[in-house]
Amino acid sequence: MSLRSALRAQTADCHAAVDTLFGSFNLSRTPDYKAFLRAHARVVPAIEHALENGGIGRLLPDWPDRRRAHLLAADIRELDDRLPVLLPQPVLRCEAAVWGAAYVLEGSKLGGALLAKAVPDHLPSSYLKPPGPKGAMRLFMDRLDASKVDEPGAAVAAARDVFELFLKAGQVELEAVP
């Protein structure tokens, strides 16, 4: 089984839970959209930092172009909102864990593109519609498939941890929506 297949199969429950939770935000309402962005801002910068500490630049040479924390912060500032306190970043101790965490973060771009359709045009959405080269997801998946990870357990565990961070952040912010 490829690493991609293992990640997809063994994190499907987490992915569904995150999709359900974040689907609860009404992105056409400014308060909900702000909370949605704050939830992501509790997690994305920490994950990006953990990926960098874990050596993502070696695995994905175009990593600097894939980062989105700065876009997220810009959207939040444009909404005249505050950046939230970050959740603790995971420690990615091996290449497999880096791939697992990156799998979740890169996959969130696909979900973001779908969610962006619900955001009114007058609200900033650079985080959900990041610029980037065409085919970036395909390139990521090709590199994931070509990775030399023999034991997917660490990748799956890291991916599940990242999904859990998104769940925690989403629950905190959803409870605070007026």
N, C-alpha and C. Protein backbone atom coordinates (compact mmCIF):
# COMPACT_ATOMS: atom_id res chain seq x y z
N MET A 1 0.85 -1.19 0.00
CA MET A 1 0.00 0.00 0.00
C MET A 1 0.89 1.24 0.00
N SER A 2 0.59 2.19 -0.88
CA SER A 2 1.37 3.41 -0.94
C SER A 2 1.12 4.26 0.31
N LEU A 3 2.05 5.16 0.56
CA LEU A 3 1.89 6.05 1.72
C LEU A 3 0.62 6.89 1.57
N ARG A 4 0.35 7.36 0.37
CA ARG A 4 -0.86 8.14 0.14
C ARG A 4 -2.11 7.33 0.46
N SER A 5 -2.13 6.08 0.01
CA SER A 5 -3.29 5.21 0.27
C SER A 5 -3.45 4.94 1.76
N ALA A 6 -2.34 4.70 2.43
CA ALA A 6 -2.39 4.46 3.88
C ALA A 6 -2.92 5.69 4.61
N LEU A 7 -2.41 6.86 4.24
CA LEU A 7 -2.87 8.10 4.87
C LEU A 7 -4.36 8.32 4.62
N ARG A 8 -4.78 8.13 3.39
CA ARG A 8 -6.20 8.34 3.06
C ARG A 8 -7.08 7.39 3.86
N ALA A 9 -6.72 6.12 3.87
CA ALA A 9 -7.56 5.11 4.53
C ALA A 9 -7.56 5.26 6.05
N GLN A 10 -6.40 5.55 6.61
CA GLN A 10 -6.28 5.53 8.06
C GLN A 10 -6.55 6.88 8.72
N THR A 11 -6.88 7.88 7.91
CA THR A 11 -7.27 9.17 8.49
C THR A 11 -8.64 9.61 8.00
N ALA A 12 -9.33 8.74 7.30
CA ALA A 12 -10.64 9.10 6.74
C ALA A 12 -11.61 9.57 7.82
N ASP A 13 -11.58 8.93 8.97
CA ASP A 13 -12.49 9.33 10.05
C ASP A 13 -12.15 10.73 10.56
N CYS A 14 -10.87 11.03 10.69
CA CYS A 14 -10.45 12.37 11.14
C CYS A 14 -10.83 13.42 10.10
N HIS A 15 -10.59 13.09 8.86
CA HIS A 15 -10.90 14.01 7.77
C HIS A 15 -12.40 14.33 7.77
N ALA A 16 -13.22 13.31 7.92
CA ALA A 16 -14.67 13.51 7.95
C ALA A 16 -15.08 14.38 9.14
N ALA A 17 -14.47 14.15 10.29
CA ALA A 17 -14.80 14.94 11.48
C ALA A 17 -14.44 16.41 11.28
N VAL A 18 -13.27 16.67 10.70
CA VAL A 18 -12.85 18.05 10.44
C VAL A 18 -13.78 18.71 9.42
N ASP A 19 -14.11 17.98 8.36
CA ASP A 19 -15.02 18.52 7.35
C ASP A 19 -16.37 18.87 7.96
N THR A 20 -16.88 17.99 8.80
CA THR A 20 -18.17 18.24 9.45
C THR A 20 -18.11 19.46 10.35
N LEU A 21 -17.06 19.53 11.18
CA LEU A 21 -16.94 20.66 12.10
C LEU A 21 -16.80 21.98 11.35
N PHE A 22 -15.88 22.03 10.39
CA PHE A 22 -15.67 23.30 9.69
C PHE A 22 -16.82 23.62 8.75
N GLY A 23 -17.60 22.62 8.38
CA GLY A 23 -18.81 22.86 7.60
C GLY A 23 -19.89 23.53 8.43
N SER A 24 -19.71 23.56 9.74
CA SER A 24 -20.67 24.22 10.64
C SER A 24 -20.54 25.74 10.62
N PHE A 25 -19.42 26.24 10.13
CA PHE A 25 -19.23 27.68 10.04
C PHE A 25 -19.97 28.19 8.81
N ASN A 26 -20.76 29.23 8.99
CA ASN A 26 -21.46 29.85 7.87
C ASN A 26 -20.54 30.96 7.32
N LEU A 27 -19.79 30.62 6.30
CA LEU A 27 -18.76 31.53 5.81
C LEU A 27 -19.32 32.75 5.10
N SER A 28 -20.62 32.81 4.90
CA SER A 28 -21.22 34.01 4.32
C SER A 28 -21.49 35.06 5.39
N ARG A 29 -21.38 34.67 6.66
CA ARG A 29 -21.54 35.60 7.79
C ARG A 29 -20.16 36.01 8.28
N THR A 30 -19.91 37.28 8.38
CA THR A 30 -18.59 37.77 8.78
C THR A 30 -18.14 37.21 10.13
N PRO A 31 -18.99 37.16 11.17
CA PRO A 31 -18.51 36.61 12.44
C PRO A 31 -18.06 35.14 12.32
N ASP A 32 -18.80 34.36 11.56
CA ASP A 32 -18.42 32.96 11.35
C ASP A 32 -17.11 32.86 10.58
N TYR A 33 -16.99 33.68 9.55
CA TYR A 33 -15.79 33.64 8.73
C TYR A 33 -14.57 34.03 9.55
N LYS A 34 -14.70 35.07 10.37
CA LYS A 34 -13.59 35.46 11.25
C LYS A 34 -13.21 34.30 12.17
N ALA A 35 -14.20 33.65 12.75
CA ALA A 35 -13.92 32.52 13.65
C ALA A 35 -13.26 31.37 12.90
N PHE A 36 -13.72 31.11 11.69
CA PHE A 36 -13.12 30.07 10.85
C PHE A 36 -11.64 30.38 10.62
N LEU A 37 -11.34 31.61 10.25
CA LEU A 37 -9.95 31.99 10.01
C LEU A 37 -9.12 31.92 11.29
N ARG A 38 -9.69 32.37 12.40
CA ARG A 38 -8.96 32.29 13.67
C ARG A 38 -8.66 30.84 14.04
N ALA A 39 -9.61 29.94 13.79
CA ALA A 39 -9.37 28.52 14.07
C ALA A 39 -8.17 28.03 13.27
N HIS A 40 -8.12 28.37 12.02
CA HIS A 40 -6.99 27.96 11.19
C HIS A 40 -5.70 28.63 11.67
N ALA A 41 -5.82 29.88 12.10
CA ALA A 41 -4.64 30.61 12.57
C ALA A 41 -4.10 30.05 13.88
N ARG A 42 -4.87 29.28 14.59
CA ARG A 42 -4.37 28.62 15.80
C ARG A 42 -3.47 27.44 15.45
N VAL A 43 -3.60 26.93 14.20
CA VAL A 43 -2.94 25.69 13.81
C VAL A 43 -1.92 25.86 12.70
N VAL A 44 -2.29 26.52 11.63
CA VAL A 44 -1.45 26.54 10.42
C VAL A 44 -0.04 27.06 10.67
N PRO A 45 0.15 28.20 11.35
CA PRO A 45 1.54 28.65 11.57
C PRO A 45 2.36 27.63 12.37
N ALA A 46 1.74 26.99 13.34
CA ALA A 46 2.46 26.00 14.15
C ALA A 46 2.85 24.79 13.31
N ILE A 47 1.96 24.35 12.44
CA ILE A 47 2.25 23.20 11.59
C ILE A 47 3.34 23.57 10.58
N GLU A 48 3.24 24.73 9.99
CA GLU A 48 4.27 25.14 9.04
C GLU A 48 5.63 25.20 9.72
N HIS A 49 5.68 25.72 10.92
CA HIS A 49 6.94 25.79 11.66
C HIS A 49 7.47 24.38 11.96
N ALA A 50 6.58 23.49 12.39
CA ALA A 50 6.98 22.11 12.68
C ALA A 50 7.50 21.43 11.41
N LEU A 51 6.84 21.67 10.29
CA LEU A 51 7.31 21.09 9.02
C LEU A 51 8.70 21.61 8.67
N GLU A 52 8.92 22.88 8.87
CA GLU A 52 10.24 23.44 8.58
C GLU A 52 11.31 22.86 9.50
N ASN A 53 10.97 22.72 10.77
CA ASN A 53 11.92 22.09 11.71
C ASN A 53 12.18 20.63 11.34
N GLY A 54 11.19 19.99 10.72
CA GLY A 54 11.32 18.59 10.34
C GLY A 54 11.99 18.36 9.00
N GLY A 55 12.30 19.44 8.28
CA GLY A 55 13.02 19.30 7.02
C GLY A 55 12.17 19.24 5.77
N ILE A 56 11.00 19.85 5.79
CA ILE A 56 10.12 19.81 4.62
C ILE A 56 10.80 20.41 3.39
N GLY A 57 11.70 21.34 3.58
CA GLY A 57 12.40 21.96 2.45
C GLY A 57 13.21 20.96 1.63
N ARG A 58 13.70 19.92 2.27
CA ARG A 58 14.42 18.85 1.55
C ARG A 58 13.46 18.00 0.73
N LEU A 59 12.26 17.81 1.25
CA LEU A 59 11.28 16.93 0.60
C LEU A 59 10.49 17.66 -0.48
N LEU A 60 10.24 18.92 -0.25
CA LEU A 60 9.47 19.74 -1.21
C LEU A 60 10.26 21.03 -1.47
N PRO A 61 11.07 21.04 -2.51
CA PRO A 61 11.87 22.24 -2.79
C PRO A 61 11.05 23.51 -2.97
N ASP A 62 9.77 23.36 -3.38
CA ASP A 62 8.92 24.55 -3.55
C ASP A 62 8.16 24.90 -2.27
N TRP A 63 8.61 24.39 -1.14
CA TRP A 63 7.93 24.64 0.13
C TRP A 63 7.64 26.12 0.38
N PRO A 64 8.61 27.03 0.16
CA PRO A 64 8.31 28.44 0.45
C PRO A 64 7.07 28.95 -0.29
N ASP A 65 6.81 28.43 -1.48
CA ASP A 65 5.64 28.86 -2.24
C ASP A 65 4.34 28.24 -1.72
N ARG A 66 4.46 27.19 -0.92
CA ARG A 66 3.28 26.49 -0.41
C ARG A 66 2.79 27.05 0.93
N ARG A 67 3.61 27.84 1.59
CA ARG A 67 3.25 28.38 2.91
C ARG A 67 2.04 29.30 2.78
N ARG A 68 1.17 29.26 3.80
CA ARG A 68 -0.03 30.10 3.77
C ARG A 68 -0.28 30.88 5.04
N ALA A 69 0.53 30.69 6.07
CA ALA A 69 0.29 31.39 7.34
C ALA A 69 0.26 32.90 7.14
N HIS A 70 1.12 33.42 6.28
CA HIS A 70 1.15 34.86 6.04
C HIS A 70 -0.13 35.34 5.36
N LEU A 71 -0.70 34.52 4.48
CA LEU A 71 -1.97 34.87 3.83
C LEU A 71 -3.12 34.88 4.84
N LEU A 72 -3.08 33.90 5.71
CA LEU A 72 -4.08 33.80 6.77
C LEU A 72 -4.04 35.02 7.68
N ALA A 73 -2.83 35.38 8.11
CA ALA A 73 -2.67 36.55 8.98
C ALA A 73 -3.13 37.83 8.27
N ALA A 74 -2.83 37.94 6.98
CA ALA A 74 -3.25 39.13 6.22
C ALA A 74 -4.77 39.21 6.13
N ASP A 75 -5.43 38.08 5.89
CA ASP A 75 -6.90 38.09 5.83
C ASP A 75 -7.49 38.50 7.17
N ILE A 76 -6.94 37.98 8.25
CA ILE A 76 -7.44 38.30 9.59
C ILE A 76 -7.25 39.79 9.88
N ARG A 77 -6.09 40.31 9.55
CA ARG A 77 -5.84 41.75 9.76
C ARG A 77 -6.78 42.60 8.90
N GLU A 78 -7.02 42.17 7.67
CA GLU A 78 -7.91 42.93 6.79
C GLU A 78 -9.34 42.97 7.34
N LEU A 79 -9.71 41.94 8.08
CA LEU A 79 -11.03 41.89 8.72
C LEU A 79 -11.02 42.65 10.05
N ASP A 80 -9.89 43.27 10.37
CA ASP A 80 -9.74 44.02 11.61
C ASP A 80 -9.97 43.12 12.82
N ASP A 81 -9.46 41.91 12.72
CA ASP A 81 -9.60 40.93 13.80
C ASP A 81 -8.22 40.66 14.39
N ARG A 82 -8.21 39.90 15.44
CA ARG A 82 -6.97 39.60 16.16
C ARG A 82 -6.47 38.20 15.81
N LEU A 83 -5.15 38.06 15.86
CA LEU A 83 -4.57 36.73 15.69
C LEU A 83 -4.69 35.99 17.02
N PRO A 84 -5.11 34.74 16.98
CA PRO A 84 -5.29 33.98 18.22
C PRO A 84 -3.98 33.37 18.72
N VAL A 85 -4.05 32.85 19.91
CA VAL A 85 -2.93 32.10 20.48
C VAL A 85 -2.81 30.78 19.73
N LEU A 86 -1.59 30.43 19.38
CA LEU A 86 -1.35 29.17 18.66
C LEU A 86 -1.52 27.97 19.58
N LEU A 87 -1.99 26.89 19.01
CA LEU A 87 -1.95 25.61 19.72
C LEU A 87 -0.52 25.09 19.63
N PRO A 88 -0.12 24.22 20.54
CA PRO A 88 1.26 23.71 20.49
C PRO A 88 1.55 22.98 19.18
N GLN A 89 2.72 23.23 18.65
CA GLN A 89 3.08 22.56 17.40
C GLN A 89 3.51 21.13 17.68
N PRO A 90 3.21 20.25 16.76
CA PRO A 90 3.65 18.87 16.96
C PRO A 90 5.15 18.76 16.71
N VAL A 91 5.74 17.74 17.27
CA VAL A 91 7.15 17.46 17.00
C VAL A 91 7.17 16.36 15.95
N LEU A 92 7.77 16.67 14.83
CA LEU A 92 7.83 15.72 13.72
C LEU A 92 9.24 15.13 13.71
N ARG A 93 9.36 13.94 14.29
CA ARG A 93 10.67 13.36 14.56
C ARG A 93 11.31 12.60 13.39
N CYS A 94 10.55 12.38 12.34
CA CYS A 94 11.11 11.61 11.22
C CYS A 94 10.46 12.06 9.92
N GLU A 95 11.03 11.61 8.83
CA GLU A 95 10.52 11.98 7.51
C GLU A 95 9.07 11.56 7.32
N ALA A 96 8.74 10.38 7.82
CA ALA A 96 7.36 9.89 7.69
C ALA A 96 6.38 10.85 8.36
N ALA A 97 6.73 11.33 9.55
CA ALA A 97 5.86 12.27 10.27
C ALA A 97 5.71 13.58 9.50
N VAL A 98 6.79 14.03 8.89
CA VAL A 98 6.74 15.26 8.10
C VAL A 98 5.77 15.06 6.93
N TRP A 99 5.86 13.92 6.25
CA TRP A 99 4.94 13.65 5.15
C TRP A 99 3.49 13.61 5.64
N GLY A 100 3.26 13.00 6.79
CA GLY A 100 1.90 12.91 7.32
C GLY A 100 1.30 14.27 7.63
N ALA A 101 2.08 15.14 8.27
CA ALA A 101 1.60 16.49 8.59
C ALA A 101 1.39 17.30 7.31
N ALA A 102 2.32 17.17 6.37
CA ALA A 102 2.21 17.90 5.10
C ALA A 102 0.98 17.44 4.32
N TYR A 103 0.67 16.17 4.40
CA TYR A 103 -0.49 15.61 3.70
C TYR A 103 -1.77 16.33 4.15
N VAL A 104 -1.91 16.56 5.43
CA VAL A 104 -3.10 17.25 5.94
C VAL A 104 -3.11 18.71 5.52
N LEU A 105 -1.98 19.38 5.67
CA LEU A 105 -1.93 20.80 5.34
C LEU A 105 -2.13 21.03 3.85
N GLU A 106 -1.51 20.23 3.02
CA GLU A 106 -1.68 20.37 1.57
C GLU A 106 -3.11 20.02 1.16
N GLY A 107 -3.66 18.99 1.77
CA GLY A 107 -5.04 18.60 1.47
C GLY A 107 -6.04 19.66 1.86
N SER A 108 -5.71 20.44 2.89
CA SER A 108 -6.63 21.48 3.32
C SER A 108 -6.81 22.56 2.25
N LYS A 109 -5.86 22.65 1.34
CA LYS A 109 -5.99 23.62 0.25
C LYS A 109 -7.14 23.25 -0.67
N LEU A 110 -7.33 21.96 -0.90
CA LEU A 110 -8.44 21.53 -1.75
C LEU A 110 -9.77 21.88 -1.09
N GLY A 111 -9.88 21.59 0.20
CA GLY A 111 -11.09 21.95 0.93
C GLY A 111 -11.30 23.44 0.96
N GLY A 112 -10.21 24.19 1.12
CA GLY A 112 -10.30 25.64 1.14
C GLY A 112 -10.83 26.21 -0.16
N ALA A 113 -10.41 25.63 -1.27
CA ALA A 113 -10.89 26.11 -2.57
C ALA A 113 -12.40 25.92 -2.70
N LEU A 114 -12.91 24.83 -2.16
CA LEU A 114 -14.36 24.60 -2.18
C LEU A 114 -15.07 25.57 -1.25
N LEU A 115 -14.52 25.75 -0.05
CA LEU A 115 -15.14 26.64 0.93
C LEU A 115 -15.11 28.10 0.47
N ALA A 116 -14.10 28.47 -0.29
CA ALA A 116 -13.97 29.86 -0.74
C ALA A 116 -15.18 30.32 -1.53
N LYS A 117 -15.87 29.38 -2.15
CA LYS A 117 -17.06 29.73 -2.94
C LYS A 117 -18.18 30.29 -2.07
N ALA A 118 -18.16 29.98 -0.78
CA ALA A 118 -19.19 30.46 0.14
C ALA A 118 -18.85 31.83 0.74
N VAL A 119 -17.62 32.29 0.54
CA VAL A 119 -17.18 33.55 1.11
C VAL A 119 -17.59 34.69 0.18
N PRO A 120 -18.33 35.67 0.70
CA PRO A 120 -18.74 36.81 -0.14
C PRO A 120 -17.52 37.53 -0.73
N ASP A 121 -17.71 38.09 -1.90
CA ASP A 121 -16.62 38.74 -2.61
C ASP A 121 -15.99 39.90 -1.84
N HIS A 122 -16.75 40.54 -0.96
CA HIS A 122 -16.21 41.70 -0.24
C HIS A 122 -15.31 41.30 0.93
N LEU A 123 -15.23 40.02 1.23
CA LEU A 123 -14.35 39.56 2.32
C LEU A 123 -13.04 39.04 1.74
N PRO A 124 -11.94 39.24 2.47
CA PRO A 124 -10.65 38.75 1.97
C PRO A 124 -10.60 37.22 2.00
N SER A 125 -10.01 36.65 0.98
CA SER A 125 -9.95 35.18 0.94
C SER A 125 -8.65 34.67 0.33
N SER A 126 -7.57 35.39 0.54
CA SER A 126 -6.29 34.95 -0.03
C SER A 126 -5.83 33.62 0.59
N TYR A 127 -6.17 33.37 1.83
CA TYR A 127 -5.81 32.10 2.47
C TYR A 127 -6.50 30.92 1.80
N LEU A 128 -7.77 31.09 1.48
CA LEU A 128 -8.53 30.00 0.86
C LEU A 128 -8.25 29.86 -0.63
N LYS A 129 -7.72 30.90 -1.23
CA LYS A 129 -7.41 30.88 -2.67
C LYS A 129 -5.95 31.28 -2.87
N PRO A 130 -5.02 30.49 -2.32
CA PRO A 130 -3.62 30.90 -2.41
C PRO A 130 -3.11 30.84 -3.86
N PRO A 131 -2.26 31.78 -4.20
CA PRO A 131 -1.65 31.70 -5.53
C PRO A 131 -0.67 30.52 -5.53
N GLY A 132 -0.39 30.05 -6.65
CA GLY A 132 0.58 28.96 -6.73
C GLY A 132 0.59 28.36 -8.11
N PRO A 133 1.62 27.61 -8.38
CA PRO A 133 1.72 27.02 -9.71
C PRO A 133 0.64 25.97 -9.95
N LYS A 134 0.20 25.91 -11.17
CA LYS A 134 -0.78 24.90 -11.55
C LYS A 134 -0.12 23.53 -11.38
N GLY A 135 -0.87 22.60 -10.85
CA GLY A 135 -0.34 21.25 -10.67
C GLY A 135 0.43 21.03 -9.38
N ALA A 136 0.36 22.01 -8.46
CA ALA A 136 1.11 21.88 -7.21
C ALA A 136 0.65 20.67 -6.39
N MET A 137 -0.65 20.40 -6.38
CA MET A 137 -1.15 19.25 -5.63
C MET A 137 -0.67 17.95 -6.27
N ARG A 138 -0.71 17.89 -7.57
CA ARG A 138 -0.23 16.69 -8.26
C ARG A 138 1.24 16.46 -7.96
N LEU A 139 2.03 17.53 -7.98
CA LEU A 139 3.45 17.43 -7.66
C LEU A 139 3.64 16.92 -6.23
N PHE A 140 2.83 17.46 -5.30
CA PHE A 140 2.93 16.99 -3.92
C PHE A 140 2.63 15.50 -3.84
N MET A 141 1.55 15.07 -4.47
CA MET A 141 1.17 13.66 -4.42
C MET A 141 2.21 12.77 -5.08
N ASP A 142 2.81 13.24 -6.16
CA ASP A 142 3.88 12.47 -6.82
C ASP A 142 5.07 12.30 -5.88
N ARG A 143 5.43 13.36 -5.18
CA ARG A 143 6.55 13.27 -4.23
C ARG A 143 6.19 12.39 -3.03
N LEU A 144 4.96 12.49 -2.59
CA LEU A 144 4.49 11.63 -1.49
C LEU A 144 4.58 10.16 -1.92
N ASP A 145 4.10 9.87 -3.12
CA ASP A 145 4.14 8.50 -3.63
C ASP A 145 5.57 8.00 -3.81
N ALA A 146 6.49 8.89 -4.15
CA ALA A 146 7.87 8.50 -4.38
C ALA A 146 8.70 8.46 -3.10
N SER A 147 8.10 8.86 -1.98
CA SER A 147 8.86 8.89 -0.72
C SER A 147 9.31 7.49 -0.36
N LYS A 148 10.36 7.43 0.40
CA LYS A 148 10.95 6.14 0.78
C LYS A 148 10.48 5.68 2.16
N VAL A 149 9.28 6.08 2.53
CA VAL A 149 8.75 5.70 3.84
C VAL A 149 8.29 4.25 3.78
N ASP A 150 8.96 3.41 4.57
CA ASP A 150 8.62 1.99 4.59
C ASP A 150 7.48 1.68 5.54
N GLU A 151 7.47 2.36 6.67
CA GLU A 151 6.46 2.12 7.70
C GLU A 151 5.59 3.37 7.81
N PRO A 152 4.35 3.28 7.38
CA PRO A 152 3.50 4.48 7.37
C PRO A 152 2.96 4.88 8.74
N GLY A 153 3.22 4.09 9.77
CA GLY A 153 2.63 4.39 11.08
C GLY A 153 2.92 5.78 11.59
N ALA A 154 4.17 6.24 11.45
CA ALA A 154 4.52 7.57 11.94
C ALA A 154 3.83 8.66 11.11
N ALA A 155 3.68 8.41 9.81
CA ALA A 155 2.99 9.38 8.96
C ALA A 155 1.52 9.47 9.34
N VAL A 156 0.90 8.33 9.55
CA VAL A 156 -0.51 8.30 9.92
C VAL A 156 -0.71 8.97 11.28
N ALA A 157 0.16 8.66 12.24
CA ALA A 157 0.04 9.26 13.57
C ALA A 157 0.17 10.79 13.50
N ALA A 158 1.13 11.28 12.72
CA ALA A 158 1.31 12.73 12.59
C ALA A 158 0.10 13.36 11.92
N ALA A 159 -0.41 12.72 10.87
CA ALA A 159 -1.59 13.26 10.19
C ALA A 159 -2.77 13.32 11.14
N ARG A 160 -2.98 12.26 11.90
CA ARG A 160 -4.09 12.24 12.85
C ARG A 160 -3.91 13.35 13.91
N ASP A 161 -2.68 13.56 14.35
CA ASP A 161 -2.40 14.64 15.32
C ASP A 161 -2.76 16.00 14.74
N VAL A 162 -2.42 16.22 13.47
CA VAL A 162 -2.72 17.52 12.84
C VAL A 162 -4.23 17.68 12.69
N PHE A 163 -4.91 16.64 12.25
CA PHE A 163 -6.37 16.73 12.18
C PHE A 163 -6.95 17.06 13.55
N GLU A 164 -6.40 16.44 14.60
CA GLU A 164 -6.89 16.69 15.96
C GLU A 164 -6.68 18.16 16.36
N LEU A 165 -5.56 18.73 15.97
CA LEU A 165 -5.32 20.15 16.25
C LEU A 165 -6.37 21.02 15.55
N PHE A 166 -6.68 20.71 14.31
CA PHE A 166 -7.72 21.46 13.60
C PHE A 166 -9.06 21.31 14.31
N LEU A 167 -9.37 20.10 14.77
CA LEU A 167 -10.63 19.90 15.50
C LEU A 167 -10.69 20.73 16.77
N LYS A 168 -9.62 20.71 17.55
CA LYS A 168 -9.59 21.50 18.79
C LYS A 168 -9.77 22.98 18.50
N ALA A 169 -9.03 23.48 17.52
CA ALA A 169 -9.11 24.90 17.19
C ALA A 169 -10.50 25.26 16.68
N GLY A 170 -11.06 24.42 15.85
CA GLY A 170 -12.40 24.69 15.31
C GLY A 170 -13.45 24.70 16.39
N GLN A 171 -13.37 23.77 17.34
CA GLN A 171 -14.35 23.70 18.43
C GLN A 171 -14.26 24.96 19.30
N VAL A 172 -13.05 25.39 19.61
CA VAL A 172 -12.87 26.60 20.44
C VAL A 172 -13.52 27.81 19.76
N GLU A 173 -13.23 27.98 18.49
CA GLU A 173 -13.74 29.16 17.79
C GLU A 173 -15.23 29.06 17.49
N LEU A 174 -15.71 27.88 17.19
CA LEU A 174 -17.14 27.72 16.89
C LEU A 174 -17.98 28.03 18.13
N GLU A 175 -17.49 27.66 19.30
CA GLU A 175 -18.22 27.95 20.54
C GLU A 175 -18.31 29.44 20.80
N ALA A 176 -17.37 30.21 20.27
CA ALA A 176 -17.32 31.64 20.52
C ALA A 176 -18.10 32.47 19.50
N VAL A 177 -18.62 31.82 18.45
CA VAL A 177 -19.34 32.57 17.41
C VAL A 177 -20.65 33.08 17.99
N PRO A 178 -20.93 34.39 17.83
CA PRO A 178 -22.19 34.94 18.35
C PRO A 178 -23.40 34.44 17.57
